[in-house]
Amino acid sequence: MKKKIKKKSRRLRKKTKKQKKRRKIKSQKRTRISRKIKKRKKTKKVKKKKQPLDRLKSIKFPKIKKIKILKIKIKKRKGLNIKKRLGQMAVKLINAALYPLFRAYDSYQYNRRQKKLKEENERIKKQEREKKERTRLIKEQKEQALRDQIRFAKETTTEMQVYLRQAEREVRKEKASQQKKILENLKIDKQIQKFEDRM
């Protein structure tokens, strides 16, 4: 019985130890993950200027059959990475050779963009000038139409005044002639009466 109890106690201890180890490992993993996330957040991406070779690699060229080139085997020496150094030197030389070409291409693209912007600005300015000219002409036409209307109104008023004056004169003349006729008729009537009285 005692042996069985001892075995059970040992098993329980082992289980508890394993559980503790698992918990520790989980907590360590969590802390590591959180640290990694923090490091990622802290490190900001800095855009590196692309070298000419990198730019050439990014360009998609049509597929060409690979040409077999004889490989020269160089024995590796301890402490000297000749192959690596040669590769770095070759990359530097190619970059140095291609740099002026890419620089010229970039300057050409920049000048082209500037030219397009200049043309666009000139076009916009031309449109604005034309718009202003159109508005000015419309304004002048409206002002001229108003002036013509005012002049026509003045001319019509003067003509009306002249016509009214002439009409008034004619009416006065007619009235005067009618009054003369009436007076003459009255004189004739009086003379007839006098002649009759004498008879």
Protein backbone atom coordinates (compact mmCIF):
# COMPACT_ATOMS: atom_id res chain seq x y z
CA MET A 1 0.00 0.00 0.00
CA LYS A 2 2.75 2.38 0.98
CA LYS A 3 4.54 1.70 -2.31
CA LYS A 4 1.39 2.47 -4.29
CA ILE A 5 0.87 5.77 -2.44
CA LYS A 6 4.50 6.75 -3.10
CA LYS A 7 4.13 5.98 -6.80
CA LYS A 8 0.95 8.07 -7.01
CA SER A 9 2.60 10.99 -5.24
CA ARG A 10 5.56 10.80 -7.63
CA ARG A 11 3.24 10.82 -10.62
CA LEU A 12 1.36 13.83 -9.29
CA ARG A 13 4.62 15.71 -8.72
CA LYS A 14 5.79 14.93 -12.24
CA LYS A 15 2.46 16.14 -13.68
CA THR A 16 2.58 19.38 -11.71
CA LYS A 17 6.18 19.97 -12.83
CA LYS A 18 5.26 19.39 -16.48
CA GLN A 19 2.30 21.76 -16.21
CA LYS A 20 4.49 24.45 -14.65
CA LYS A 21 7.09 24.02 -17.42
CA ARG A 22 4.38 24.33 -20.09
CA ARG A 23 3.02 27.49 -18.48
CA LYS A 24 6.52 28.98 -18.32
CA ILE A 25 7.17 28.15 -22.00
CA LYS A 26 3.83 29.71 -23.04
CA SER A 27 4.52 32.87 -21.04
CA GLN A 28 8.04 33.10 -22.54
CA LYS A 29 6.62 32.70 -26.07
CA ARG A 30 4.05 35.43 -25.44
CA THR A 31 6.71 37.82 -24.14
CA ARG A 32 8.91 37.08 -27.17
CA ILE A 33 6.03 37.69 -29.60
CA SER A 34 5.11 40.96 -27.86
CA ARG A 35 8.77 42.08 -27.98
CA LYS A 36 8.95 41.25 -31.69
CA ILE A 37 5.77 43.24 -32.38
CA LYS A 38 7.16 46.20 -30.44
CA LYS A 39 10.43 46.03 -32.38
CA ARG A 40 8.51 45.94 -35.67
CA LYS A 41 6.52 48.99 -34.64
CA LYS A 42 9.65 50.86 -33.59
CA THR A 43 11.59 50.11 -36.79
CA LYS A 44 10.28 52.43 -39.48
CA LYS A 45 10.78 51.52 -43.09
CA VAL A 46 13.38 53.78 -44.65
CA LYS A 47 13.24 53.90 -48.44
CA LYS A 48 16.65 53.16 -49.87
CA LYS A 49 17.62 54.69 -53.17
CA LYS A 50 17.53 51.94 -55.77
CA GLN A 51 20.80 51.17 -57.48
CA PRO A 52 20.85 50.82 -61.30
CA LEU A 53 21.20 47.03 -61.08
CA ASP A 54 18.18 46.77 -58.77
CA ARG A 55 16.21 48.91 -61.19
CA LEU A 56 17.26 46.67 -64.07
CA LYS A 57 16.18 43.61 -62.11
CA SER A 58 12.74 45.11 -61.51
CA ILE A 59 12.24 45.63 -65.29
CA LYS A 60 10.55 42.64 -66.93
CA PHE A 61 12.40 41.65 -70.10
CA PRO A 62 11.21 38.99 -72.58
CA LYS A 63 12.46 35.50 -71.77
CA ILE A 64 15.68 34.53 -73.56
CA LYS A 65 17.21 31.08 -73.65
CA LYS A 66 20.02 30.72 -71.15
CA ILE A 67 23.51 30.61 -72.65
CA LYS A 68 25.87 28.17 -71.04
CA ILE A 69 28.99 29.90 -69.74
CA LEU A 70 32.06 28.06 -68.62
CA LYS A 71 32.41 28.32 -64.88
CA ILE A 72 35.88 29.02 -63.57
CA LYS A 73 36.46 27.19 -60.34
CA ILE A 74 38.43 29.12 -57.74
CA LYS A 75 39.77 27.30 -54.75
CA LYS A 76 38.42 28.68 -51.53
CA ARG A 77 40.94 29.84 -49.02
CA LYS A 78 40.25 30.19 -45.37
CA GLY A 79 39.65 33.80 -44.27
CA LEU A 80 39.37 35.13 -47.84
CA ASN A 81 36.05 35.22 -49.69
CA ILE A 82 37.48 36.05 -53.12
CA LYS A 83 34.32 35.08 -54.96
CA LYS A 84 32.20 37.29 -52.75
CA ARG A 85 34.59 40.22 -53.12
CA LEU A 86 34.73 39.78 -56.89
CA GLY A 87 30.93 39.75 -57.04
CA GLN A 88 30.73 42.93 -54.96
CA MET A 89 33.33 44.61 -57.15
CA ALA A 90 31.47 43.56 -60.31
CA VAL A 91 28.20 44.92 -58.91
CA LYS A 92 29.89 48.21 -58.00
CA LEU A 93 31.46 48.52 -61.46
CA ILE A 94 28.16 47.76 -63.22
CA ASN A 95 26.34 50.27 -61.01
CA ALA A 96 29.00 52.90 -61.73
CA ALA A 97 28.73 52.22 -65.48
CA LEU A 98 24.93 52.27 -65.52
CA TYR A 99 24.54 55.26 -63.18
CA PRO A 100 25.03 57.97 -65.87
CA LEU A 101 22.55 56.22 -68.19
CA PHE A 102 19.87 56.07 -65.51
CA ARG A 103 20.70 59.62 -64.46
CA ALA A 104 20.21 60.81 -68.05
CA TYR A 105 16.95 58.85 -68.30
CA ASP A 106 15.69 60.33 -65.00
CA SER A 107 16.61 63.85 -66.12
CA TYR A 108 14.83 63.24 -69.44
CA GLN A 109 11.70 62.04 -67.62
CA TYR A 110 11.87 65.03 -65.25
CA ASN A 111 12.25 67.49 -68.14
CA ARG A 112 9.38 65.81 -69.97
CA ARG A 113 7.14 66.13 -66.90
CA GLN A 114 8.14 69.76 -66.46
CA LYS A 115 7.41 70.45 -70.14
CA LYS A 116 3.97 68.85 -69.84
CA LEU A 117 3.22 70.87 -66.71
CA LYS A 118 4.33 74.06 -68.46
CA GLU A 119 2.13 73.30 -71.47
CA GLU A 120 -0.82 72.55 -69.18
CA ASN A 121 -0.31 75.83 -67.29
CA GLU A 122 -0.10 77.77 -70.57
CA ARG A 123 -3.28 76.09 -71.82
CA ILE A 124 -5.12 76.97 -68.59
CA LYS A 125 -3.87 80.58 -68.77
CA LYS A 126 -4.95 80.82 -72.41
CA GLN A 127 -8.43 79.53 -71.52
CA GLU A 128 -8.68 82.07 -68.69
CA ARG A 129 -7.63 84.89 -71.04
CA GLU A 130 -10.21 83.82 -73.63
CA LYS A 131 -12.88 83.61 -70.93
CA LYS A 132 -12.03 87.11 -69.69
CA GLU A 133 -12.09 88.44 -73.27
CA ARG A 134 -15.50 86.85 -73.87
CA THR A 135 -16.93 88.32 -70.66
CA ARG A 136 -15.49 91.74 -71.59
CA LEU A 137 -17.04 91.61 -75.07
CA ILE A 138 -20.42 90.52 -73.67
CA LYS A 139 -20.28 93.37 -71.14
CA GLU A 140 -19.41 95.89 -73.86
CA GLN A 141 -22.25 94.62 -76.07
CA LYS A 142 -24.74 94.95 -73.21
CA GLU A 143 -23.52 98.48 -72.42
CA GLN A 144 -23.78 99.44 -76.10
CA ALA A 145 -27.32 98.02 -76.28
CA LEU A 146 -28.28 100.06 -73.21
CA ARG A 147 -26.78 103.21 -74.73
CA ASP A 148 -28.69 102.60 -77.97
CA GLN A 149 -31.93 102.10 -76.05
CA ILE A 150 -31.41 105.33 -74.09
CA ARG A 151 -30.59 107.25 -77.29
CA PHE A 152 -33.62 105.81 -79.06
CA ALA A 153 -35.83 106.70 -76.09
CA LYS A 154 -34.49 110.25 -76.09
CA GLU A 155 -35.00 110.58 -79.85
CA THR A 156 -38.55 109.26 -79.58
CA THR A 157 -39.34 111.68 -76.74
CA THR A 158 -38.01 114.63 -78.75
CA GLU A 159 -39.93 113.50 -81.82
CA MET A 160 -43.09 113.15 -79.74
CA GLN A 161 -42.61 116.61 -78.28
CA VAL A 162 -42.18 118.11 -81.77
CA TYR A 163 -45.24 116.26 -83.03
CA LEU A 164 -47.34 117.43 -80.05
CA ARG A 165 -46.24 121.03 -80.57
CA GLN A 166 -47.18 120.88 -84.24
CA ALA A 167 -50.57 119.38 -83.39
CA GLU A 168 -51.21 122.11 -80.81
CA ARG A 169 -50.36 124.80 -83.41
CA GLU A 170 -52.72 123.29 -85.95
CA VAL A 171 -55.52 123.10 -83.33
CA ARG A 172 -54.94 126.75 -82.44
CA LYS A 173 -55.03 127.76 -86.10
CA GLU A 174 -58.29 125.88 -86.65
CA LYS A 175 -59.84 127.50 -83.58
CA ALA A 176 -58.76 130.95 -84.75
CA SER A 177 -60.19 130.36 -88.24
CA GLN A 178 -63.49 129.12 -86.74
CA GLN A 179 -63.73 132.19 -84.49
CA LYS A 180 -63.11 134.46 -87.51
CA LYS A 181 -65.86 132.73 -89.47
CA ILE A 182 -68.28 133.10 -86.53
CA LEU A 183 -67.50 136.80 -86.21
CA GLU A 184 -67.93 137.36 -89.92
CA ASN A 185 -71.29 135.54 -89.84
CA LEU A 186 -72.42 137.72 -86.91
CA LYS A 187 -71.46 140.90 -88.80
CA ILE A 188 -73.40 139.77 -91.85
CA ASP A 189 -76.44 138.98 -89.69
CA LYS A 190 -76.33 142.44 -88.09
CA GLN A 191 -76.07 144.15 -91.46
CA ILE A 192 -79.11 142.18 -92.75
CA GLN A 193 -81.15 143.19 -89.69
CA LYS A 194 -80.25 146.86 -90.17
CA PHE A 195 -81.26 146.72 -93.81
CA GLU A 196 -84.56 145.10 -92.87
CA ASP A 197 -85.26 147.75 -90.24
CA ARG A 198 -84.79 150.51 -92.82
CA MET A 199 -87.21 148.91 -95.18
